[in-house]
Structures are given as structure tokens and as C-alpha cells.
All heavy atoms as atom14 arrays in JSON, in Angstrom:
{
  "sequence": "GAAVRSCGFGNPAQRALRAMGVVVRPAPSSAFVAIAAAHPELARLFAP",
  "atom14_mask": [
    [1, 1, 1, 1, 0, 0, 0, 0, 0, 0, 0, 0, 0, 0],
    [1, 1, 1, 1, 1, 0, 0, 0, 0, 0, 0, 0, 0, 0],
    [1, 1, 1, 1, 1, 0, 0, 0, 0, 0, 0, 0, 0, 0],
    [1, 1, 1, 1, 1, 1, 1, 0, 0, 0, 0, 0, 0, 0],
    [1, 1, 1, 1, 1, 1, 1, 1, 1, 1, 1, 0, 0, 0],
    [1, 1, 1, 1, 1, 1, 0, 0, 0, 0, 0, 0, 0, 0],
    [1, 1, 1, 1, 1, 1, 0, 0, 0, 0, 0, 0, 0, 0],
    [1, 1, 1, 1, 0, 0, 0, 0, 0, 0, 0, 0, 0, 0],
    [1, 1, 1, 1, 1, 1, 1, 1, 1, 1, 1, 0, 0, 0],
    [1, 1, 1, 1, 0, 0, 0, 0, 0, 0, 0, 0, 0, 0],
    [1, 1, 1, 1, 1, 1, 1, 1, 0, 0, 0, 0, 0, 0],
    [1, 1, 1, 1, 1, 1, 1, 0, 0, 0, 0, 0, 0, 0],
    [1, 1, 1, 1, 1, 0, 0, 0, 0, 0, 0, 0, 0, 0],
    [1, 1, 1, 1, 1, 1, 1, 1, 1, 0, 0, 0, 0, 0],
    [1, 1, 1, 1, 1, 1, 1, 1, 1, 1, 1, 0, 0, 0],
    [1, 1, 1, 1, 1, 0, 0, 0, 0, 0, 0, 0, 0, 0],
    [1, 1, 1, 1, 1, 1, 1, 1, 0, 0, 0, 0, 0, 0],
    [1, 1, 1, 1, 1, 1, 1, 1, 1, 1, 1, 0, 0, 0],
    [1, 1, 1, 1, 1, 0, 0, 0, 0, 0, 0, 0, 0, 0],
    [1, 1, 1, 1, 1, 1, 1, 1, 0, 0, 0, 0, 0, 0],
    [1, 1, 1, 1, 0, 0, 0, 0, 0, 0, 0, 0, 0, 0],
    [1, 1, 1, 1, 1, 1, 1, 0, 0, 0, 0, 0, 0, 0],
    [1, 1, 1, 1, 1, 1, 1, 0, 0, 0, 0, 0, 0, 0],
    [1, 1, 1, 1, 1, 1, 1, 0, 0, 0, 0, 0, 0, 0],
    [1, 1, 1, 1, 1, 1, 1, 1, 1, 1, 1, 0, 0, 0],
    [1, 1, 1, 1, 1, 1, 1, 0, 0, 0, 0, 0, 0, 0],
    [1, 1, 1, 1, 1, 0, 0, 0, 0, 0, 0, 0, 0, 0],
    [1, 1, 1, 1, 1, 1, 1, 0, 0, 0, 0, 0, 0, 0],
    [1, 1, 1, 1, 1, 1, 0, 0, 0, 0, 0, 0, 0, 0],
    [1, 1, 1, 1, 1, 1, 0, 0, 0, 0, 0, 0, 0, 0],
    [1, 1, 1, 1, 1, 0, 0, 0, 0, 0, 0, 0, 0, 0],
    [1, 1, 1, 1, 1, 1, 1, 1, 1, 1, 1, 0, 0, 0],
    [1, 1, 1, 1, 1, 1, 1, 0, 0, 0, 0, 0, 0, 0],
    [1, 1, 1, 1, 1, 0, 0, 0, 0, 0, 0, 0, 0, 0],
    [1, 1, 1, 1, 1, 1, 1, 1, 0, 0, 0, 0, 0, 0],
    [1, 1, 1, 1, 1, 0, 0, 0, 0, 0, 0, 0, 0, 0],
    [1, 1, 1, 1, 1, 0, 0, 0, 0, 0, 0, 0, 0, 0],
    [1, 1, 1, 1, 1, 0, 0, 0, 0, 0, 0, 0, 0, 0],
    [1, 1, 1, 1, 1, 1, 1, 1, 1, 1, 0, 0, 0, 0],
    [1, 1, 1, 1, 1, 1, 1, 0, 0, 0, 0, 0, 0, 0],
    [1, 1, 1, 1, 1, 1, 1, 1, 1, 0, 0, 0, 0, 0],
    [1, 1, 1, 1, 1, 1, 1, 1, 0, 0, 0, 0, 0, 0],
    [1, 1, 1, 1, 1, 0, 0, 0, 0, 0, 0, 0, 0, 0],
    [1, 1, 1, 1, 1, 1, 1, 1, 1, 1, 1, 0, 0, 0],
    [1, 1, 1, 1, 1, 1, 1, 1, 0, 0, 0, 0, 0, 0],
    [1, 1, 1, 1, 1, 1, 1, 1, 1, 1, 1, 0, 0, 0],
    [1, 1, 1, 1, 1, 0, 0, 0, 0, 0, 0, 0, 0, 0],
    [1, 1, 1, 1, 1, 1, 1, 0, 0, 0, 0, 0, 0, 0]
  ],
  "atom14_positions": [
    [[11.82, -8.95, -14.09], [10.29, -8.95, -13.63], [10.14, -9.93, -12.59], [9.48, -9.65, -11.56], [0.0, 0.0, 0.0], [0.0, 0.0, 0.0], [0.0, 0.0, 0.0], [0.0, 0.0, 0.0], [0.0, 0.0, 0.0], [0.0, 0.0, 0.0], [0.0, 0.0, 0.0], [0.0, 0.0, 0.0], [0.0, 0.0, 0.0], [0.0, 0.0, 0.0]],
    [[10.57, -11.21, -12.73], [10.4, -12.17, -11.69], [11.05, -11.75, -10.4], [10.44, -12.02, -9.28], [10.87, -13.64, -12.18], [0.0, 0.0, 0.0], [0.0, 0.0, 0.0], [0.0, 0.0, 0.0], [0.0, 0.0, 0.0], [0.0, 0.0, 0.0], [0.0, 0.0, 0.0], [0.0, 0.0, 0.0], [0.0, 0.0, 0.0], [0.0, 0.0, 0.0]],
    [[12.16, -11.31, -10.41], [12.97, -10.81, -9.26], [12.37, -9.8, -8.5], [12.15, -9.67, -7.24], [14.41, -10.44, -9.64], [0.0, 0.0, 0.0], [0.0, 0.0, 0.0], [0.0, 0.0, 0.0], [0.0, 0.0, 0.0], [0.0, 0.0, 0.0], [0.0, 0.0, 0.0], [0.0, 0.0, 0.0], [0.0, 0.0, 0.0], [0.0, 0.0, 0.0]],
    [[11.84, -8.8, -9.31], [11.09, -7.67, -8.75], [9.75, -8.15, -7.98], [9.54, -7.66, -6.85], [10.69, -6.53, -9.84], [9.73, -5.58, -9.25], [12.0, -5.85, -10.24], [0.0, 0.0, 0.0], [0.0, 0.0, 0.0], [0.0, 0.0, 0.0], [0.0, 0.0, 0.0], [0.0, 0.0, 0.0], [0.0, 0.0, 0.0], [0.0, 0.0, 0.0]],
    [[9.04, -8.88, -8.59], [7.79, -9.52, -8.0], [8.04, -10.25, -6.78], [7.12, -10.4, -5.88], [6.96, -10.29, -9.11], [6.54, -9.5, -10.13], [5.74, -10.37, -11.31], [5.5, -9.64, -12.44], [6.22, -9.69, -13.6], [7.14, -10.62, -13.59], [5.93, -8.92, -14.61], [0.0, 0.0, 0.0], [0.0, 0.0, 0.0], [0.0, 0.0, 0.0]],
    [[9.23, -11.02, -6.65], [9.42, -11.85, -5.51], [10.33, -11.2, -4.4], [10.67, -11.92, -3.44], [10.0, -13.03, -5.95], [11.33, -12.9, -6.51], [0.0, 0.0, 0.0], [0.0, 0.0, 0.0], [0.0, 0.0, 0.0], [0.0, 0.0, 0.0], [0.0, 0.0, 0.0], [0.0, 0.0, 0.0], [0.0, 0.0, 0.0], [0.0, 0.0, 0.0]],
    [[10.85, -9.99, -4.69], [11.67, -9.32, -3.76], [11.08, -9.05, -2.47], [10.03, -8.55, -2.28], [12.24, -8.08, -4.41], [13.95, -8.24, -4.76], [0.0, 0.0, 0.0], [0.0, 0.0, 0.0], [0.0, 0.0, 0.0], [0.0, 0.0, 0.0], [0.0, 0.0, 0.0], [0.0, 0.0, 0.0], [0.0, 0.0, 0.0], [0.0, 0.0, 0.0]],
    [[11.79, -9.38, -1.39], [11.36, -9.11, 0.05], [12.74, -8.9, 0.83], [13.87, -9.02, 0.27], [0.0, 0.0, 0.0], [0.0, 0.0, 0.0], [0.0, 0.0, 0.0], [0.0, 0.0, 0.0], [0.0, 0.0, 0.0], [0.0, 0.0, 0.0], [0.0, 0.0, 0.0], [0.0, 0.0, 0.0], [0.0, 0.0, 0.0], [0.0, 0.0, 0.0]],
    [[12.53, -8.67, 2.01], [13.74, -8.53, 2.93], [14.55, -9.83, 2.84], [14.03, -10.95, 2.95], [13.36, -8.28, 4.37], [12.99, -6.79, 4.57], [11.66, -6.49, 4.96], [13.9, -5.8, 4.32], [11.41, -5.24, 5.09], [13.65, -4.47, 4.49], [12.24, -4.14, 4.86], [0.0, 0.0, 0.0], [0.0, 0.0, 0.0], [0.0, 0.0, 0.0]],
    [[15.78, -9.82, 2.64], [16.76, -10.9, 2.75], [16.82, -11.68, 1.26], [17.6, -12.68, 1.2], [0.0, 0.0, 0.0], [0.0, 0.0, 0.0], [0.0, 0.0, 0.0], [0.0, 0.0, 0.0], [0.0, 0.0, 0.0], [0.0, 0.0, 0.0], [0.0, 0.0, 0.0], [0.0, 0.0, 0.0], [0.0, 0.0, 0.0], [0.0, 0.0, 0.0]],
    [[16.05, -11.28, 0.37], [15.98, -11.84, -0.98], [17.25, -11.69, -1.62], [17.64, -10.51, -1.8], [14.86, -11.52, -1.87], [14.59, -12.36, -3.04], [15.59, -12.54, -3.78], [13.35, -12.63, -3.43], [0.0, 0.0, 0.0], [0.0, 0.0, 0.0], [0.0, 0.0, 0.0], [0.0, 0.0, 0.0], [0.0, 0.0, 0.0], [0.0, 0.0, 0.0]],
    [[18.11, -12.74, -2.15], [19.38, -12.32, -2.7], [19.26, -11.58, -4.01], [20.23, -10.94, -4.45], [19.94, -13.74, -3.04], [18.74, -14.68, -2.85], [17.71, -14.08, -2.0], [0.0, 0.0, 0.0], [0.0, 0.0, 0.0], [0.0, 0.0, 0.0], [0.0, 0.0, 0.0], [0.0, 0.0, 0.0], [0.0, 0.0, 0.0], [0.0, 0.0, 0.0]],
    [[18.12, -11.67, -4.61], [17.92, -10.87, -5.92], [17.91, -9.31, -5.66], [18.31, -8.46, -6.47], [16.68, -11.22, -6.66], [0.0, 0.0, 0.0], [0.0, 0.0, 0.0], [0.0, 0.0, 0.0], [0.0, 0.0, 0.0], [0.0, 0.0, 0.0], [0.0, 0.0, 0.0], [0.0, 0.0, 0.0], [0.0, 0.0, 0.0], [0.0, 0.0, 0.0]],
    [[17.59, -8.92, -4.45], [17.42, -7.62, -4.06], [18.88, -6.81, -4.36], [18.94, -5.7, -4.93], [16.96, -7.36, -2.7], [16.51, -5.97, -2.4], [15.73, -5.97, -1.07], [15.9, -6.71, -0.19], [14.67, -5.11, -0.91], [0.0, 0.0, 0.0], [0.0, 0.0, 0.0], [0.0, 0.0, 0.0], [0.0, 0.0, 0.0], [0.0, 0.0, 0.0]],
    [[19.92, -7.46, -3.8], [21.22, -6.83, -3.97], [21.63, -6.82, -5.47], [22.23, -5.72, -5.93], [22.22, -7.48, -3.14], [23.71, -6.97, -3.38], [24.64, -7.64, -2.48], [24.53, -7.01, -1.07], [25.15, -7.48, -0.06], [26.11, -8.49, -0.14], [24.95, -6.81, 1.1], [0.0, 0.0, 0.0], [0.0, 0.0, 0.0], [0.0, 0.0, 0.0]],
    [[21.33, -7.83, -6.23], [21.75, -7.87, -7.6], [20.96, -6.94, -8.42], [21.44, -6.17, -9.34], [21.55, -9.27, -8.21], [0.0, 0.0, 0.0], [0.0, 0.0, 0.0], [0.0, 0.0, 0.0], [0.0, 0.0, 0.0], [0.0, 0.0, 0.0], [0.0, 0.0, 0.0], [0.0, 0.0, 0.0], [0.0, 0.0, 0.0], [0.0, 0.0, 0.0]],
    [[19.7, -6.73, -8.06], [18.87, -5.74, -8.75], [19.43, -4.29, -8.5], [19.53, -3.4, -9.48], [17.39, -5.81, -8.42], [16.58, -6.9, -8.9], [15.28, -6.91, -8.28], [16.35, -6.76, -10.34], [0.0, 0.0, 0.0], [0.0, 0.0, 0.0], [0.0, 0.0, 0.0], [0.0, 0.0, 0.0], [0.0, 0.0, 0.0], [0.0, 0.0, 0.0]],
    [[19.8, -3.97, -7.29], [20.22, -2.65, -7.01], [21.56, -2.39, -7.72], [21.79, -1.25, -8.28], [20.45, -2.54, -5.47], [21.14, -1.26, -5.01], [21.3, -0.93, -3.57], [20.02, -1.01, -2.88], [19.42, 0.2, -2.4], [19.98, 1.29, -2.81], [18.34, 0.33, -1.71], [0.0, 0.0, 0.0], [0.0, 0.0, 0.0], [0.0, 0.0, 0.0]],
    [[22.51, -3.4, -7.76], [23.72, -3.32, -8.52], [23.53, -2.99, -9.89], [24.36, -2.51, -10.6], [24.6, -4.36, -8.24], [0.0, 0.0, 0.0], [0.0, 0.0, 0.0], [0.0, 0.0, 0.0], [0.0, 0.0, 0.0], [0.0, 0.0, 0.0], [0.0, 0.0, 0.0], [0.0, 0.0, 0.0], [0.0, 0.0, 0.0], [0.0, 0.0, 0.0]],
    [[22.4, -3.42, -10.44], [22.22, -3.17, -12.04], [21.25, -1.93, -12.21], [20.85, -1.84, -13.35], [21.62, -4.44, -12.58], [20.32, -4.91, -12.31], [19.82, -6.37, -13.24], [19.5, -5.74, -14.94], [0.0, 0.0, 0.0], [0.0, 0.0, 0.0], [0.0, 0.0, 0.0], [0.0, 0.0, 0.0], [0.0, 0.0, 0.0], [0.0, 0.0, 0.0]],
    [[20.81, -1.19, -11.12], [20.06, -0.1, -11.34], [18.66, -0.11, -11.03], [17.81, 0.8, -11.48], [0.0, 0.0, 0.0], [0.0, 0.0, 0.0], [0.0, 0.0, 0.0], [0.0, 0.0, 0.0], [0.0, 0.0, 0.0], [0.0, 0.0, 0.0], [0.0, 0.0, 0.0], [0.0, 0.0, 0.0], [0.0, 0.0, 0.0], [0.0, 0.0, 0.0]],
    [[18.18, -1.11, -10.31], [16.87, -1.26, -9.99], [16.6, -1.39, -8.41], [17.37, -2.33, -7.91], [16.1, -2.48, -10.61], [14.58, -2.53, -10.32], [16.25, -2.28, -12.12], [0.0, 0.0, 0.0], [0.0, 0.0, 0.0], [0.0, 0.0, 0.0], [0.0, 0.0, 0.0], [0.0, 0.0, 0.0], [0.0, 0.0, 0.0], [0.0, 0.0, 0.0]],
    [[15.96, -0.65, -7.71], [15.71, -0.72, -6.38], [14.33, -1.12, -5.95], [13.35, -0.43, -6.45], [16.08, 0.56, -5.53], [15.71, 0.41, -4.09], [17.53, 0.81, -5.72], [0.0, 0.0, 0.0], [0.0, 0.0, 0.0], [0.0, 0.0, 0.0], [0.0, 0.0, 0.0], [0.0, 0.0, 0.0], [0.0, 0.0, 0.0], [0.0, 0.0, 0.0]],
    [[14.12, -2.2, -5.19], [12.78, -2.69, -4.79], [12.71, -2.68, -3.37], [13.55, -3.37, -2.6], [12.49, -4.16, -5.31], [11.18, -4.57, -4.9], [12.78, -4.28, -6.86], [0.0, 0.0, 0.0], [0.0, 0.0, 0.0], [0.0, 0.0, 0.0], [0.0, 0.0, 0.0], [0.0, 0.0, 0.0], [0.0, 0.0, 0.0], [0.0, 0.0, 0.0]],
    [[11.88, -1.92, -2.81], [11.56, -1.94, -1.32], [10.33, -2.78, -1.08], [9.29, -2.76, -1.96], [11.33, -0.53, -0.87], [12.7, 0.26, -0.9], [12.51, 1.52, 0.02], [13.83, 2.12, -0.08], [14.1, 3.14, -0.81], [13.23, 3.55, -1.76], [15.34, 3.61, -0.83], [0.0, 0.0, 0.0], [0.0, 0.0, 0.0], [0.0, 0.0, 0.0]],
    [[10.38, -3.79, -0.21], [9.23, -4.65, -0.04], [7.83, -3.99, 0.17], [7.83, -2.94, 0.82], [9.52, -5.3, 1.27], [11.08, -5.21, 1.41], [11.44, -3.74, 0.87], [0.0, 0.0, 0.0], [0.0, 0.0, 0.0], [0.0, 0.0, 0.0], [0.0, 0.0, 0.0], [0.0, 0.0, 0.0], [0.0, 0.0, 0.0], [0.0, 0.0, 0.0]],
    [[6.86, -4.53, -0.48], [5.54, -3.96, -0.37], [5.0, -4.26, 1.0], [5.45, -5.22, 1.65], [4.69, -4.63, -1.42], [0.0, 0.0, 0.0], [0.0, 0.0, 0.0], [0.0, 0.0, 0.0], [0.0, 0.0, 0.0], [0.0, 0.0, 0.0], [0.0, 0.0, 0.0], [0.0, 0.0, 0.0], [0.0, 0.0, 0.0], [0.0, 0.0, 0.0]],
    [[4.24, -3.55, 1.58], [3.53, -2.39, 1.17], [4.18, -0.99, 1.49], [3.75, 0.0, 1.29], [2.27, -2.38, 1.92], [2.59, -3.04, 3.14], [3.65, -3.93, 2.89], [0.0, 0.0, 0.0], [0.0, 0.0, 0.0], [0.0, 0.0, 0.0], [0.0, 0.0, 0.0], [0.0, 0.0, 0.0], [0.0, 0.0, 0.0], [0.0, 0.0, 0.0]],
    [[5.59, -1.19, 1.81], [6.29, 0.04, 2.26], [6.47, 0.99, 1.13], [6.71, 2.29, 1.28], [7.62, -0.23, 2.97], [8.39, -0.97, 2.03], [0.0, 0.0, 0.0], [0.0, 0.0, 0.0], [0.0, 0.0, 0.0], [0.0, 0.0, 0.0], [0.0, 0.0, 0.0], [0.0, 0.0, 0.0], [0.0, 0.0, 0.0], [0.0, 0.0, 0.0]],
    [[6.53, 0.46, -0.12], [6.6, 1.34, -1.28], [5.69, 0.9, -2.37], [5.6, -0.31, -2.73], [8.08, 1.33, -1.81], [8.2, 2.13, -2.94], [0.0, 0.0, 0.0], [0.0, 0.0, 0.0], [0.0, 0.0, 0.0], [0.0, 0.0, 0.0], [0.0, 0.0, 0.0], [0.0, 0.0, 0.0], [0.0, 0.0, 0.0], [0.0, 0.0, 0.0]],
    [[4.97, 1.94, -2.97], [4.1, 1.73, -4.13], [4.89, 1.73, -5.58], [4.31, 1.51, -6.5], [3.05, 2.65, -4.05], [0.0, 0.0, 0.0], [0.0, 0.0, 0.0], [0.0, 0.0, 0.0], [0.0, 0.0, 0.0], [0.0, 0.0, 0.0], [0.0, 0.0, 0.0], [0.0, 0.0, 0.0], [0.0, 0.0, 0.0], [0.0, 0.0, 0.0]],
    [[6.25, 2.03, -5.38], [7.0, 2.17, -6.51], [8.21, 1.3, -6.67], [8.8, 0.88, -5.42], [7.38, 3.71, -6.65], [6.27, 4.72, -6.7], [5.82, 5.26, -5.64], [5.82, 4.96, -8.04], [4.81, 6.12, -5.83], [4.72, 5.83, -8.14], [4.19, 6.34, -7.05], [0.0, 0.0, 0.0], [0.0, 0.0, 0.0], [0.0, 0.0, 0.0]],
    [[8.75, 1.06, -7.83], [10.11, 0.46, -7.94], [10.91, 1.69, -8.59], [10.53, 2.32, -9.44], [9.97, -0.71, -8.93], [11.42, -1.25, -9.33], [9.09, -1.84, -8.26], [0.0, 0.0, 0.0], [0.0, 0.0, 0.0], [0.0, 0.0, 0.0], [0.0, 0.0, 0.0], [0.0, 0.0, 0.0], [0.0, 0.0, 0.0], [0.0, 0.0, 0.0]],
    [[12.05, 1.77, -8.17], [13.07, 2.9, -8.62], [14.02, 2.32, -9.66], [14.6, 1.29, -9.39], [13.87, 3.46, -7.38], [0.0, 0.0, 0.0], [0.0, 0.0, 0.0], [0.0, 0.0, 0.0], [0.0, 0.0, 0.0], [0.0, 0.0, 0.0], [0.0, 0.0, 0.0], [0.0, 0.0, 0.0], [0.0, 0.0, 0.0], [0.0, 0.0, 0.0]],
    [[14.06, 2.88, -10.66], [14.97, 2.58, -11.79], [15.8, 3.76, -12.15], [15.45, 4.79, -12.27], [14.12, 2.24, -13.07], [13.19, 1.08, -12.77], [15.19, 1.78, -14.19], [12.17, 0.69, -13.92], [0.0, 0.0, 0.0], [0.0, 0.0, 0.0], [0.0, 0.0, 0.0], [0.0, 0.0, 0.0], [0.0, 0.0, 0.0], [0.0, 0.0, 0.0]],
    [[17.12, 3.56, -12.04], [18.15, 4.55, -12.36], [18.05, 5.19, -13.64], [17.91, 4.37, -14.7], [19.56, 3.98, -12.13], [0.0, 0.0, 0.0], [0.0, 0.0, 0.0], [0.0, 0.0, 0.0], [0.0, 0.0, 0.0], [0.0, 0.0, 0.0], [0.0, 0.0, 0.0], [0.0, 0.0, 0.0], [0.0, 0.0, 0.0], [0.0, 0.0, 0.0]],
    [[18.02, 6.49, -13.71], [18.0, 7.24, -14.86], [19.34, 7.19, -15.69], [19.33, 7.26, -16.94], [17.59, 8.76, -14.63], [0.0, 0.0, 0.0], [0.0, 0.0, 0.0], [0.0, 0.0, 0.0], [0.0, 0.0, 0.0], [0.0, 0.0, 0.0], [0.0, 0.0, 0.0], [0.0, 0.0, 0.0], [0.0, 0.0, 0.0], [0.0, 0.0, 0.0]],
    [[20.38, 6.92, -15.03], [21.75, 6.59, -15.72], [22.51, 5.6, -14.87], [22.67, 5.67, -13.58], [22.48, 7.9, -15.68], [0.0, 0.0, 0.0], [0.0, 0.0, 0.0], [0.0, 0.0, 0.0], [0.0, 0.0, 0.0], [0.0, 0.0, 0.0], [0.0, 0.0, 0.0], [0.0, 0.0, 0.0], [0.0, 0.0, 0.0], [0.0, 0.0, 0.0]],
    [[22.82, 4.56, -15.45], [23.6, 3.47, -14.78], [24.31, 2.53, -15.73], [23.63, 2.27, -16.89], [22.67, 2.5, -13.92], [23.2, 1.76, -12.96], [23.85, 0.54, -13.31], [23.19, 1.9, -11.67], [24.3, -0.09, -12.14], [23.91, 0.84, -11.2], [0.0, 0.0, 0.0], [0.0, 0.0, 0.0], [0.0, 0.0, 0.0], [0.0, 0.0, 0.0]],
    [[25.57, 2.19, -15.54], [26.31, 1.45, -16.62], [25.69, 0.09, -16.9], [25.76, -0.36, -17.92], [27.77, 1.39, -15.95], [27.66, 1.75, -14.65], [26.4, 2.63, -14.42], [0.0, 0.0, 0.0], [0.0, 0.0, 0.0], [0.0, 0.0, 0.0], [0.0, 0.0, 0.0], [0.0, 0.0, 0.0], [0.0, 0.0, 0.0], [0.0, 0.0, 0.0]],
    [[25.09, -0.57, -15.84], [24.56, -1.9, -16.19], [23.24, -1.77, -16.99], [22.99, -2.58, -17.8], [24.22, -2.66, -14.85], [25.43, -3.18, -14.14], [26.24, -4.24, -14.89], [25.72, -4.95, -15.69], [27.53, -4.17, -14.8], [0.0, 0.0, 0.0], [0.0, 0.0, 0.0], [0.0, 0.0, 0.0], [0.0, 0.0, 0.0], [0.0, 0.0, 0.0]],
    [[22.44, -0.83, -16.65], [21.27, -0.55, -17.5], [21.68, -0.13, -18.97], [20.95, -0.68, -19.91], [20.38, 0.52, -16.94], [19.53, -0.02, -15.69], [18.77, 1.14, -14.91], [18.73, -1.21, -15.92], [0.0, 0.0, 0.0], [0.0, 0.0, 0.0], [0.0, 0.0, 0.0], [0.0, 0.0, 0.0], [0.0, 0.0, 0.0], [0.0, 0.0, 0.0]],
    [[22.76, 0.57, -19.0], [23.14, 1.08, -20.38], [23.68, -0.16, -21.21], [23.28, -0.32, -22.36], [24.4, 2.1, -20.23], [0.0, 0.0, 0.0], [0.0, 0.0, 0.0], [0.0, 0.0, 0.0], [0.0, 0.0, 0.0], [0.0, 0.0, 0.0], [0.0, 0.0, 0.0], [0.0, 0.0, 0.0], [0.0, 0.0, 0.0], [0.0, 0.0, 0.0]],
    [[24.29, -1.16, -20.57], [24.69, -2.43, -21.24], [23.49, -3.14, -21.57], [23.36, -3.73, -22.78], [25.67, -3.2, -20.32], [27.0, -2.77, -20.34], [28.05, -3.74, -19.76], [28.16, -3.6, -18.35], [28.79, -2.74, -17.75], [29.48, -1.86, -18.46], [28.87, -2.55, -16.53], [0.0, 0.0, 0.0], [0.0, 0.0, 0.0], [0.0, 0.0, 0.0]],
    [[22.54, -3.24, -20.66], [21.25, -4.07, -20.97], [20.52, -3.41, -22.12], [20.01, -4.31, -22.94], [20.39, -3.99, -19.61], [19.23, -5.0, -19.67], [19.14, -5.82, -18.45], [17.95, -4.13, -19.84], [0.0, 0.0, 0.0], [0.0, 0.0, 0.0], [0.0, 0.0, 0.0], [0.0, 0.0, 0.0], [0.0, 0.0, 0.0], [0.0, 0.0, 0.0]],
    [[20.41, -2.19, -22.09], [19.53, -1.49, -23.19], [20.44, -1.34, -24.38], [19.74, -0.95, -25.5], [19.05, -0.24, -22.64], [17.85, -0.29, -21.89], [17.88, -0.04, -20.45], [16.51, -0.73, -22.23], [16.76, -0.05, -19.61], [15.47, -0.79, -21.55], [15.57, -0.49, -20.24], [0.0, 0.0, 0.0], [0.0, 0.0, 0.0], [0.0, 0.0, 0.0]],
    [[21.77, -1.51, -24.5], [22.58, -1.34, -25.61], [21.99, -1.96, -26.97], [22.07, -1.32, -28.05], [23.89, -1.75, -25.43], [0.0, 0.0, 0.0], [0.0, 0.0, 0.0], [0.0, 0.0, 0.0], [0.0, 0.0, 0.0], [0.0, 0.0, 0.0], [0.0, 0.0, 0.0], [0.0, 0.0, 0.0], [0.0, 0.0, 0.0], [0.0, 0.0, 0.0]],
    [[21.54, -3.19, -26.94], [21.16, -3.62, -28.19], [19.66, -3.39, -28.6], [19.23, -4.0, -29.51], [21.33, -5.31, -28.0], [21.04, -5.42, -26.47], [21.61, -4.24, -25.88], [0.0, 0.0, 0.0], [0.0, 0.0, 0.0], [0.0, 0.0, 0.0], [0.0, 0.0, 0.0], [0.0, 0.0, 0.0], [0.0, 0.0, 0.0], [0.0, 0.0, 0.0]]
  ]
}
């Protein structure tokens, strides 16, 4: 949540979020955050 809220161009969290299945495009260019419907990192995160 903190990473999504602070993501902008050049933010190091942006690459880490994408690698775990969350894509954030800097506002106002996108009104949405994309979350992968299937992704191994999200599967591990939601496993417990």
C-alpha cells in the first residue's frame, strides 16, 4: 500500500511491485492499479 501510494517515475518500488504482480502507472496518467490475475509471487503472498 505504501509503495503504491508513493510510486512515481524512477521510484525503486515500481520495479519490485511489477515483479510481484502489481503495476502502478504514475497518476494522473492512470486511474487504476493493475493486479495480476495469476502470478507466482501473488500466489505465495496469498498462500497463508
